[in-house]
Amino acid sequence: MSTPHTFDAVGLDAGSAWTRCVICRLEDNRLRFLGCGSAPSEGWKKGLIGSPTAVSECMLAALREAERNAQVSVESAVVGVGATVRGANCRGLHDLGRVRTVEQRDVNRAVERAKRVLLPEGAMILQMFPQDFLVDGHPGHRDPRKMIAGQIEANVHLVMTSQREHECLVTAVNQAHLAVEETVFEALAACYAAVLSEDRREGAAVLNIGAESSELVVYYGDALQLAASLPISGDHFTRDVARGLCISFEDAAILKHEFGCANADVTAENSFVEVPSREDRDVPRRTMNCILESRALDLFQMVHRELARVGMEGALMGGMFLSGGGARLEGMCEVAEQVLQCRVSNALPVGIQDWPDNLCDPAWTTVAGLAMYSAKLKSQREIERQSNRLLGKILK
C-alpha cells in the first residue's frame, strides 16, 4: 500500500495591475490554502510585457509575501497567460488502414494531426482541447475508443499565443527564481476554479476582465468551444470616466471604485460625487454611471458577437461568470444579463479548503485556478510515477 504524498501547488497571476501568488497544499487528494501574496504590477504596457525585469521584481515581491504567509519555500508555479491569446478549431484525420477496434494510439494520432496546422506568424500553441470525433463520418463521439471503424477524425480547439510574449513571461518568472510548470490561459484558469463540470456541460462561459486585457472562454458539453482575448478591459472604463468628466485617470479610478455602477438606472437623480481636481467639484453620479454603462454595453455586445460566431448565443444554460478586477464594478452582472439573456454571476473560487473569506473576490479567481491546475499536474505525475514503479516491479 502506497503512502499518501503531499505537494505544494502554486499559482502565479502576473496581471498588468496586480501580481498575485497563491500557495496551496495537496494532501490526501484535498487542496488546502496555505498563503498568498500580492504586489502592484509594473513593466506592462497595453497588456504586453514592456520590461521583463520590472515584471519579475513584482513576481518576486508577491512570491516572497506568499511564502512568508504560507511558511514554506517553493520552486515552481503554474503561470497565467492573457492578452495575446486566440483560439481556432482544427481537424485531424487518421485512417486505421482497415476496419478494426479504435485504440488509444489511433486517438493520439488523430489529435496530433489536428495540431499540424499552419500557425499565424509569431504564434505558438499554448494548449489543445479535444472537442469530439467523427467515426467513419458520423459526428458527435466524445470517446471513440473500442468502437469499430476504419477512419476517425478529431475536432480540437487550439489555444494559441504570441511566442515572443510567452518567452518574455517565462523569462520574467525564471528571473524571479521560479520554474514554470505550465502556462495556462487565464480565463481557463478562472473557469477551472469557479465553474462546476455540470455547468460546463450545459453551456457556460467565463469572462476575465483585467486592467489591460479581457479574456473569454466558452464551454459546451465538456468541450471548449471558444478561447479569445477581447480589446475592452477595465482601464477602458476608467479612461472613459476621465474623458467624460475632464479629470485625471487617477481621480477617475478612485471615483469608479468608490461610486461607480455599470447600471445607471439604479442611480438616484439627486446623487452627486465630489471630484477633488475640478473647480466645479460636484458631479452628478448618474452622469458618471451612464458613461460606465455605455462601455459595459460595448463589452457585452462584443461578447455576444463572439458567442454568435460559434453558435452559442442563447445556449449558456450554465450561465456566464465574470472574473478579474473589472468584475468588481457594481451592476456588471445586470448589464451582462440584459445583453446576453442568461444567468450571470461573479466567478468565485470553489473547492479549496480554508480559502479565506477576504479572497472570495473575482480578482483572486484566476490565481486560485492556477494553483488548482498545479495540484492537478503534480497529482497526475505522481500517479504516472507510481504506475511506472509498479511496472518495474512486475518486470523484475
Protein backbone atom coordinates (compact mmCIF):
# COMPACT_ATOMS: atom_id res chain seq x y z
CA MET A 1 0.00 0.00 0.00
CA SER A 2 1.50 3.34 -1.08
CA THR A 3 1.98 6.22 1.34
CA PRO A 4 -0.09 9.37 0.54
CA HIS A 5 2.09 12.10 -0.95
CA THR A 6 1.96 15.79 -0.09
CA PHE A 7 2.67 18.52 -2.64
CA ASP A 8 2.71 22.30 -2.61
CA ALA A 9 0.70 23.73 -5.51
CA VAL A 10 1.49 27.29 -6.62
CA GLY A 11 -0.35 29.66 -8.92
CA LEU A 12 1.14 32.92 -10.22
CA ASP A 13 -1.06 35.51 -11.93
CA ALA A 14 1.04 38.33 -13.36
CA GLY A 15 -1.65 40.88 -14.22
CA SER A 16 -1.00 44.32 -15.62
CA ALA A 17 -2.43 45.98 -12.47
CA TRP A 18 -1.65 43.45 -9.73
CA THR A 19 0.59 40.41 -9.46
CA ARG A 20 -0.85 37.67 -7.26
CA CYS A 21 0.53 34.41 -5.92
CA VAL A 22 -1.30 31.62 -4.07
CA ILE A 23 0.29 28.62 -2.36
CA CYS A 24 -1.82 25.57 -1.53
CA ARG A 25 -1.03 22.10 -0.24
CA LEU A 26 -2.37 18.92 -1.78
CA GLU A 27 -2.67 16.16 0.81
CA ASP A 28 -4.89 13.06 0.67
CA ASN A 29 -6.43 14.42 -2.55
CA ARG A 30 -7.59 17.57 -0.77
CA LEU A 31 -6.31 21.02 -1.68
CA ARG A 32 -5.77 23.33 1.28
CA PHE A 33 -4.90 27.03 1.24
CA LEU A 34 -1.58 27.95 2.86
CA GLY A 35 -0.87 31.55 1.96
CA CYS A 36 -0.99 34.31 -0.63
CA GLY A 37 0.81 37.46 -1.67
CA SER A 38 0.24 40.39 -4.00
CA ALA A 39 2.14 43.37 -5.37
CA PRO A 40 1.25 46.29 -7.66
CA SER A 41 2.38 45.43 -11.18
CA GLU A 42 4.96 47.34 -13.17
CA GLY A 43 6.59 46.75 -16.55
CA TRP A 44 3.36 46.26 -18.56
CA LYS A 45 2.01 48.32 -21.45
CA LYS A 46 -1.40 47.63 -23.03
CA GLY A 47 -1.41 44.11 -21.69
CA LEU A 48 2.08 43.31 -23.05
CA ILE A 49 5.39 42.99 -21.21
CA GLY A 50 7.48 46.12 -21.67
CA SER A 51 10.15 45.32 -19.08
CA PRO A 52 10.68 41.67 -18.08
CA THR A 53 12.94 42.81 -15.23
CA ALA A 54 10.23 45.04 -13.71
CA VAL A 55 7.63 42.29 -14.14
CA SER A 56 10.00 39.82 -12.48
CA GLU A 57 10.53 42.08 -9.48
CA CYS A 58 6.76 42.27 -8.93
CA MET A 59 6.50 38.49 -9.20
CA LEU A 60 9.26 38.10 -6.64
CA ALA A 61 7.57 40.52 -4.23
CA ALA A 62 4.24 38.63 -4.46
CA LEU A 63 6.01 35.26 -4.16
CA ARG A 64 8.03 36.26 -1.10
CA GLU A 65 4.90 37.54 0.67
CA ALA A 66 3.07 34.31 -0.15
CA GLU A 67 6.00 32.22 1.14
CA ARG A 68 6.10 34.20 4.39
CA ASN A 69 2.37 33.75 4.93
CA ALA A 70 2.47 30.05 4.00
CA GLN A 71 5.74 29.44 5.90
CA VAL A 72 7.11 27.37 3.01
CA SER A 73 9.61 27.88 0.21
CA VAL A 74 8.53 26.98 -3.32
CA GLU A 75 10.46 26.39 -6.52
CA SER A 76 7.88 26.24 -9.32
CA ALA A 77 4.44 27.53 -10.31
CA VAL A 78 1.71 27.37 -12.94
CA VAL A 79 1.60 30.80 -14.62
CA GLY A 80 -1.27 32.61 -16.34
CA VAL A 81 -1.16 33.95 -19.92
CA GLY A 82 -3.57 36.64 -21.11
CA ALA A 83 -3.72 39.36 -23.72
CA THR A 84 -2.31 37.77 -26.88
CA VAL A 85 -4.38 34.57 -26.84
CA ARG A 86 -6.72 33.40 -29.59
CA GLY A 87 -8.34 30.10 -30.38
CA ALA A 88 -9.09 28.12 -33.54
CA ASN A 89 -10.97 24.94 -34.38
CA CYS A 90 -8.91 22.35 -36.28
CA ARG A 91 -9.42 18.82 -37.62
CA GLY A 92 -7.13 15.81 -37.89
CA LEU A 93 -7.94 12.70 -39.95
CA HIS A 94 -6.44 9.27 -39.20
CA ASP A 95 -7.02 6.25 -41.44
CA LEU A 96 -6.79 2.98 -39.49
CA GLY A 97 -5.87 1.03 -42.65
CA ARG A 98 -8.68 -1.46 -42.15
CA VAL A 99 -11.89 -1.79 -40.16
CA ARG A 100 -10.90 -2.66 -36.57
CA THR A 101 -11.24 -1.58 -32.95
CA VAL A 102 -10.16 2.02 -32.32
CA GLU A 103 -7.29 2.16 -29.82
CA GLN A 104 -5.73 4.95 -27.75
CA ARG A 105 -2.82 5.27 -30.21
CA ASP A 106 -5.33 5.94 -33.03
CA VAL A 107 -6.94 8.71 -31.00
CA ASN A 108 -3.48 10.17 -30.29
CA ARG A 109 -2.57 10.19 -33.98
CA ALA A 110 -5.80 11.92 -34.99
CA VAL A 111 -5.29 14.58 -32.34
CA GLU A 112 -1.63 15.06 -33.30
CA ARG A 113 -2.62 15.58 -36.94
CA ALA A 114 -5.12 18.22 -35.87
CA LYS A 115 -2.21 20.14 -34.32
CA ARG A 116 -0.29 20.18 -37.62
CA VAL A 117 -1.78 23.45 -38.82
CA LEU A 118 -0.07 26.46 -40.34
CA LEU A 119 0.14 28.77 -37.33
CA PRO A 120 -0.07 32.55 -37.75
CA GLU A 121 3.35 34.20 -37.87
CA GLY A 122 4.89 34.52 -34.41
CA ALA A 123 2.25 32.27 -32.78
CA MET A 124 2.67 29.09 -30.73
CA ILE A 125 0.24 26.51 -29.36
CA LEU A 126 -0.42 27.15 -25.68
CA GLN A 127 -3.00 24.40 -25.05
CA MET A 128 -5.11 21.95 -27.03
CA PHE A 129 -8.59 20.70 -26.18
CA PRO A 130 -10.32 17.80 -28.00
CA GLN A 131 -13.98 18.56 -28.75
CA ASP A 132 -15.36 15.41 -30.38
CA PHE A 133 -14.62 12.77 -33.02
CA LEU A 134 -16.11 11.67 -36.32
CA VAL A 135 -16.11 7.88 -36.58
CA ASP A 136 -16.42 6.75 -40.22
CA GLY A 137 -18.01 10.12 -40.97
CA HIS A 138 -20.51 10.00 -38.07
CA PRO A 139 -20.04 13.03 -35.75
CA GLY A 140 -20.58 13.63 -32.05
CA HIS A 141 -18.46 10.95 -30.36
CA ARG A 142 -16.61 12.08 -27.24
CA ASP A 143 -14.57 8.87 -26.86
CA PRO A 144 -14.18 6.64 -29.94
CA ARG A 145 -12.02 4.01 -28.21
CA LYS A 146 -13.29 0.41 -28.51
CA MET A 147 -15.55 1.38 -31.41
CA ILE A 148 -15.25 -0.50 -34.72
CA ALA A 149 -14.16 1.83 -37.55
CA GLY A 150 -11.83 2.31 -40.49
CA GLN A 151 -11.30 6.05 -40.03
CA ILE A 152 -11.55 8.63 -37.25
CA GLU A 153 -11.34 12.41 -37.37
CA ALA A 154 -10.56 14.59 -34.35
CA ASN A 155 -12.07 18.04 -33.82
CA VAL A 156 -9.89 20.09 -31.47
CA HIS A 157 -9.72 23.67 -30.25
CA LEU A 158 -6.20 25.09 -30.28
CA VAL A 159 -5.38 27.91 -27.87
CA MET A 160 -2.54 29.99 -29.36
CA THR A 161 -0.50 32.89 -28.06
CA SER A 162 2.37 35.14 -29.12
CA GLN A 163 5.63 33.23 -28.93
CA ARG A 164 7.54 36.42 -28.11
CA GLU A 165 5.22 37.38 -25.23
CA HIS A 166 5.30 33.83 -23.93
CA GLU A 167 9.11 33.82 -23.92
CA CYS A 168 9.17 37.20 -22.14
CA LEU A 169 6.78 35.90 -19.48
CA VAL A 170 8.76 32.70 -18.87
CA THR A 171 11.98 34.74 -18.70
CA ALA A 172 10.44 37.03 -16.07
CA VAL A 173 9.30 34.04 -13.99
CA ASN A 174 12.75 32.45 -14.19
CA GLN A 175 14.34 35.72 -13.11
CA ALA A 176 12.08 35.55 -10.04
CA HIS A 177 13.82 32.22 -9.22
CA LEU A 178 10.82 30.08 -10.19
CA ALA A 179 10.48 27.25 -12.68
CA VAL A 180 7.39 27.26 -14.89
CA GLU A 181 5.40 24.03 -14.51
CA GLU A 182 2.98 25.07 -17.24
CA THR A 183 1.43 28.20 -18.74
CA VAL A 184 -2.38 28.37 -18.82
CA PHE A 185 -4.81 30.80 -20.44
CA GLU A 186 -6.09 32.99 -17.59
CA ALA A 187 -9.79 32.66 -18.43
CA LEU A 188 -9.40 28.88 -18.49
CA ALA A 189 -7.82 29.00 -15.03
CA ALA A 190 -10.71 31.13 -13.74
CA CYS A 191 -13.15 28.64 -15.24
CA TYR A 192 -11.29 25.76 -13.62
CA ALA A 193 -11.59 27.45 -10.21
CA ALA A 194 -15.19 28.67 -10.34
CA VAL A 195 -17.36 26.67 -12.76
CA LEU A 196 -18.61 23.20 -11.90
CA SER A 197 -18.36 20.47 -14.52
CA GLU A 198 -22.16 20.13 -14.73
CA ASP A 199 -22.45 23.84 -15.58
CA ARG A 200 -19.81 23.48 -18.30
CA ARG A 201 -21.75 20.60 -19.82
CA GLU A 202 -24.90 22.73 -20.05
CA GLY A 203 -23.03 25.58 -21.74
CA ALA A 204 -21.08 28.11 -19.69
CA ALA A 205 -18.70 31.00 -20.28
CA VAL A 206 -16.14 32.89 -18.22
CA LEU A 207 -15.16 36.48 -18.98
CA ASN A 208 -11.99 37.52 -17.16
CA ILE A 209 -11.91 41.35 -17.08
CA GLY A 210 -8.41 42.56 -16.27
CA ALA A 211 -6.98 46.07 -16.19
CA GLU A 212 -5.46 45.99 -19.70
CA SER A 213 -6.93 42.83 -21.25
CA SER A 214 -10.07 40.71 -21.11
CA GLU A 215 -10.28 37.02 -21.94
CA LEU A 216 -13.25 34.82 -22.80
CA VAL A 217 -13.74 31.05 -22.77
CA VAL A 218 -16.90 29.16 -23.69
CA TYR A 219 -17.70 25.53 -22.88
CA TYR A 220 -20.47 23.25 -24.07
CA GLY A 221 -20.81 19.54 -23.38
CA ASP A 222 -17.43 19.44 -21.55
CA ALA A 223 -15.70 20.69 -24.73
CA LEU A 224 -14.02 24.07 -25.15
CA GLN A 225 -15.81 25.92 -27.94
CA LEU A 226 -14.04 29.29 -27.84
CA ALA A 227 -10.97 30.97 -26.37
CA ALA A 228 -10.35 34.62 -27.21
CA SER A 229 -8.81 37.86 -25.98
CA LEU A 230 -11.05 40.93 -26.23
CA PRO A 231 -9.87 44.53 -26.78
CA ILE A 232 -12.02 46.06 -23.98
CA SER A 233 -10.69 45.95 -20.41
CA GLY A 234 -11.07 47.61 -17.03
CA ASP A 235 -8.86 50.58 -17.91
CA HIS A 236 -11.21 51.49 -20.78
CA PHE A 237 -13.95 52.15 -18.20
CA THR A 238 -11.61 54.38 -16.21
CA ARG A 239 -10.41 56.31 -19.27
CA ASP A 240 -14.00 56.91 -20.38
CA VAL A 241 -14.82 58.45 -17.00
CA ALA A 242 -11.65 60.58 -17.10
CA ARG A 243 -12.52 61.94 -20.56
CA GLY A 244 -16.23 62.38 -19.85
CA LEU A 245 -15.70 64.27 -16.60
CA CYS A 246 -12.46 66.02 -17.67
CA ILE A 247 -10.50 64.66 -14.73
CA SER A 248 -7.26 62.72 -14.30
CA PHE A 249 -7.05 58.96 -14.81
CA GLU A 250 -6.14 58.55 -11.13
CA ASP A 251 -9.19 60.53 -9.93
CA ALA A 252 -11.40 58.61 -12.36
CA ALA A 253 -10.11 55.30 -10.95
CA ILE A 254 -10.97 56.40 -7.40
CA LEU A 255 -14.46 57.58 -8.39
CA LYS A 256 -15.14 54.39 -10.35
CA HIS A 257 -14.04 52.23 -7.44
CA GLU A 258 -15.98 54.12 -4.74
CA PHE A 259 -19.12 55.30 -6.54
CA GLY A 260 -19.25 53.63 -9.95
CA CYS A 261 -22.07 51.43 -11.24
CA ALA A 262 -22.48 49.96 -14.73
CA ASN A 263 -26.27 50.08 -14.38
CA ALA A 264 -27.18 53.78 -14.48
CA ASP A 265 -30.92 53.15 -13.92
CA VAL A 266 -30.39 52.42 -10.22
CA THR A 267 -28.63 55.76 -9.64
CA ALA A 268 -30.67 58.49 -7.97
CA GLU A 269 -31.02 61.76 -9.93
CA ASN A 270 -30.07 63.82 -6.85
CA SER A 271 -26.89 61.86 -6.07
CA PHE A 272 -23.58 63.71 -6.57
CA VAL A 273 -19.90 62.82 -6.18
CA GLU A 274 -17.09 65.16 -5.25
CA VAL A 275 -14.14 65.47 -7.65
CA PRO A 276 -11.05 66.95 -5.91
CA SER A 277 -9.27 68.10 -9.10
CA ARG A 278 -12.14 70.21 -10.52
CA GLU A 279 -13.24 73.72 -9.61
CA ASP A 280 -16.85 72.62 -10.01
CA ARG A 281 -16.31 69.79 -7.54
CA ASP A 282 -19.76 68.18 -7.54
CA VAL A 283 -20.58 65.89 -10.47
CA PRO A 284 -23.88 64.03 -10.92
CA ARG A 285 -23.25 60.39 -10.09
CA ARG A 286 -25.70 59.38 -12.82
CA THR A 287 -23.53 61.15 -15.44
CA MET A 288 -20.54 59.00 -14.49
CA ASN A 289 -22.60 55.83 -14.36
CA CYS A 290 -24.12 56.46 -17.79
CA ILE A 291 -20.54 56.56 -19.11
CA LEU A 292 -19.74 53.27 -17.36
CA GLU A 293 -22.96 51.65 -18.61
CA SER A 294 -22.17 52.61 -22.20
CA ARG A 295 -18.78 50.92 -22.02
CA ALA A 296 -20.27 47.84 -20.30
CA LEU A 297 -22.81 47.53 -23.13
CA ASP A 298 -19.94 47.70 -25.65
CA LEU A 299 -18.10 44.92 -23.82
CA PHE A 300 -21.04 42.53 -23.53
CA GLN A 301 -22.22 43.19 -27.08
CA MET A 302 -18.72 42.16 -28.18
CA VAL A 303 -19.08 39.00 -26.05
CA HIS A 304 -22.46 38.35 -27.71
CA ARG A 305 -20.86 38.59 -31.16
CA GLU A 306 -18.17 36.10 -30.11
CA LEU A 307 -20.84 33.71 -28.83
CA ALA A 308 -22.79 34.05 -32.10
CA ARG A 309 -19.62 33.28 -34.06
CA VAL A 310 -19.52 29.78 -32.53
CA GLY A 311 -23.29 29.28 -32.42
CA MET A 312 -23.52 29.68 -28.64
CA GLU A 313 -25.76 32.76 -28.35
CA GLY A 314 -28.74 31.81 -26.20
CA ALA A 315 -27.09 28.48 -25.29
CA LEU A 316 -25.42 29.31 -21.96
CA MET A 317 -27.73 27.28 -19.75
CA GLY A 318 -24.95 27.01 -17.17
CA GLY A 319 -24.55 30.79 -17.17
CA MET A 320 -21.89 33.44 -17.67
CA PHE A 321 -19.29 34.01 -14.93
CA LEU A 322 -17.31 37.25 -14.51
CA SER A 323 -13.81 37.21 -13.02
CA GLY A 324 -10.95 39.69 -12.74
CA GLY A 325 -10.77 43.09 -11.09
CA GLY A 326 -13.16 44.57 -13.67
CA ALA A 327 -15.93 42.28 -12.44
CA ARG A 328 -15.97 44.16 -9.13
CA LEU A 329 -17.76 47.12 -10.73
CA GLU A 330 -21.30 47.18 -9.39
CA GLY A 331 -24.01 46.48 -11.97
CA MET A 332 -21.85 44.46 -14.37
CA CYS A 333 -23.85 41.27 -13.87
CA GLU A 334 -27.15 43.07 -14.50
CA VAL A 335 -25.94 44.65 -17.77
CA ALA A 336 -24.50 41.32 -18.91
CA GLU A 337 -27.84 39.60 -18.24
CA GLN A 338 -29.67 42.22 -20.31
CA VAL A 339 -27.38 41.76 -23.31
CA LEU A 340 -26.68 38.03 -23.15
CA GLN A 341 -30.10 36.87 -21.90
CA CYS A 342 -28.67 34.33 -19.47
CA ARG A 343 -27.82 33.98 -15.79
CA VAL A 344 -24.69 35.99 -14.90
CA SER A 345 -22.75 35.90 -11.63
CA ASN A 346 -19.28 36.64 -10.31
CA ALA A 347 -16.77 33.80 -10.64
CA LEU A 348 -15.57 32.86 -7.15
CA PRO A 349 -13.15 30.05 -6.25
CA VAL A 350 -14.67 26.77 -5.03
CA GLY A 351 -13.03 23.57 -3.83
CA ILE A 352 -10.03 24.92 -1.86
CA GLN A 353 -10.16 24.12 1.84
CA ASP A 354 -9.54 27.07 4.24
CA TRP A 355 -9.85 29.61 1.40
CA PRO A 356 -10.03 33.00 3.24
CA ASP A 357 -13.28 34.98 3.13
CA ASN A 358 -11.41 38.14 2.12
CA LEU A 359 -10.18 36.33 -1.03
CA CYS A 360 -13.73 35.41 -2.11
CA ASP A 361 -13.28 38.04 -4.77
CA PRO A 362 -13.36 37.70 -8.60
CA ALA A 363 -9.90 39.32 -8.74
CA TRP A 364 -8.42 36.25 -6.98
CA THR A 365 -10.24 33.58 -9.00
CA THR A 366 -7.66 33.23 -11.78
CA VAL A 367 -4.72 32.69 -9.43
CA ALA A 368 -6.80 30.18 -7.43
CA GLY A 369 -7.43 28.26 -10.65
CA LEU A 370 -3.71 28.31 -11.49
CA ALA A 371 -2.90 26.78 -8.09
CA MET A 372 -5.60 24.14 -8.62
CA TYR A 373 -4.09 23.37 -12.03
CA SER A 374 -0.68 22.98 -10.39
CA ALA A 375 -2.16 20.46 -7.95
CA LYS A 376 -3.75 18.53 -10.81
CA LEU A 377 -0.46 18.36 -12.73
CA LYS A 378 1.51 17.14 -9.71
CA SER A 379 -1.06 14.50 -8.75
CA GLN A 380 -1.13 13.19 -12.34
CA ARG A 381 2.66 12.98 -12.43
CA GLU A 382 2.69 11.08 -9.15
CA ILE A 383 0.13 8.59 -10.49
CA GLU A 384 2.34 8.06 -13.55
CA ARG A 385 5.40 7.56 -11.34
CA GLN A 386 3.55 5.04 -9.19
CA SER A 387 2.41 3.17 -12.33
CA ASN A 388 5.95 3.07 -13.72
CA ARG A 389 7.28 1.86 -10.37
CA LEU A 390 4.68 -0.92 -10.27
CA LEU A 391 5.51 -1.90 -13.85
CA GLY A 392 9.18 -2.06 -12.90
CA LYS A 393 8.42 -4.47 -10.07
CA ILE A 394 6.36 -6.68 -12.37
CA LEU A 395 9.14 -6.83 -14.98
CA LYS A 396 11.85 -7.77 -12.49
